[in-house]
């Protein structure tokens, strides 16, 4: 099976429609600051202009010595729940 190399442009927005800077997104905060976030409201704006409301959650992963070695992030589509 061949991987799809097509790039999809997404914009992350706050619920009020303003752009969310990369460093303020839950996954980046987990990876670079060690923050855990749960159910933060965001909106993903797709290249075709559609907006998808999501809840984002993320948590850092630590080595045995306490260093952040990665992060896990989830974006739950809330379209059907609105």
Protein backbone atom coordinates (compact mmCIF):
# COMPACT_ATOMS: atom_id res chain seq x y z
CA UNK A 1 0.00 0.00 0.00
CA UNK A 2 1.34 3.42 -0.93
CA UNK A 3 1.14 6.29 1.54
CA UNK A 4 -0.85 9.36 0.53
CA UNK A 5 1.62 12.22 0.27
CA UNK A 6 -1.02 14.88 -0.35
CA UNK A 7 -0.72 17.69 2.16
CA UNK A 8 -3.90 19.07 3.72
CA UNK A 9 -3.88 22.64 4.96
CA UNK A 10 -5.60 23.17 8.30
CA UNK A 11 -5.95 26.26 10.45
CA UNK A 12 -6.55 25.95 14.18
CA UNK A 13 -8.95 28.55 15.52
CA UNK A 14 -10.25 29.43 18.95
CA UNK A 15 -14.04 29.21 19.46
CA UNK A 16 -14.29 32.97 18.82
CA UNK A 17 -12.77 32.45 15.34
CA UNK A 18 -9.34 33.97 16.03
CA UNK A 19 -6.25 32.03 14.94
CA UNK A 20 -4.61 29.93 17.67
CA UNK A 21 -0.81 30.29 17.59
CA UNK A 22 1.08 26.99 17.33
CA UNK A 23 2.63 27.35 20.79
CA UNK A 24 -0.83 27.66 22.38
CA UNK A 25 -2.25 24.41 20.93
CA UNK A 26 -2.69 21.55 23.38
CA UNK A 27 -0.24 19.12 21.73
CA UNK A 28 2.56 21.68 21.57
CA UNK A 29 1.93 22.70 25.20
CA UNK A 30 2.21 19.06 26.26
CA UNK A 31 5.38 18.47 24.25
CA UNK A 32 7.26 21.66 25.09
CA UNK A 33 5.85 22.70 28.50
CA UNK A 34 4.72 19.43 30.05
CA UNK A 35 1.11 20.59 30.33
CA UNK A 36 -1.86 18.23 30.33
CA UNK A 37 -5.03 19.57 28.72
CA UNK A 38 -8.50 18.07 28.61
CA UNK A 39 -11.47 18.91 26.41
CA UNK A 40 -10.36 22.33 25.17
CA UNK A 41 -12.72 23.75 22.55
CA UNK A 42 -11.12 24.53 19.20
CA UNK A 43 -12.21 24.83 15.58
CA UNK A 44 -10.32 23.34 12.65
CA UNK A 45 -10.72 25.33 9.45
CA UNK A 46 -10.24 23.15 6.39
CA UNK A 47 -8.76 24.30 3.08
CA UNK A 48 -12.24 24.38 1.51
CA UNK A 49 -13.44 26.80 4.22
CA UNK A 50 -15.45 24.30 6.28
CA UNK A 51 -15.11 24.62 10.04
CA UNK A 52 -15.06 21.57 12.27
CA UNK A 53 -15.61 22.07 16.02
CA UNK A 54 -13.37 19.79 18.09
CA UNK A 55 -12.40 19.10 21.67
CA UNK A 56 -8.64 18.71 22.07
CA UNK A 57 -6.77 16.89 24.81
CA UNK A 58 -3.05 16.19 25.20
CA UNK A 59 -0.56 14.87 27.71
CA UNK A 60 3.22 14.66 27.83
CA UNK A 61 5.16 11.38 27.87
CA UNK A 62 8.12 11.16 30.23
CA UNK A 63 11.30 9.09 30.36
CA UNK A 64 12.23 7.32 33.61
CA UNK A 65 14.46 10.32 34.40
CA UNK A 66 11.60 12.79 34.03
CA UNK A 67 12.46 14.19 30.60
CA UNK A 68 9.62 14.83 28.16
CA UNK A 69 10.14 12.34 25.35
CA UNK A 70 6.91 12.85 23.41
CA UNK A 71 3.23 13.67 23.70
CA UNK A 72 -0.14 12.20 22.84
CA UNK A 73 -2.89 14.41 21.44
CA UNK A 74 -6.50 13.81 20.46
CA UNK A 75 -8.98 16.01 18.58
CA UNK A 76 -12.57 14.79 18.93
CA UNK A 77 -14.95 15.91 16.19
CA UNK A 78 -17.95 17.56 17.84
CA UNK A 79 -19.96 18.19 14.63
CA UNK A 80 -22.71 15.68 15.39
CA UNK A 81 -23.04 16.88 18.98
CA UNK A 82 -23.82 20.50 18.17
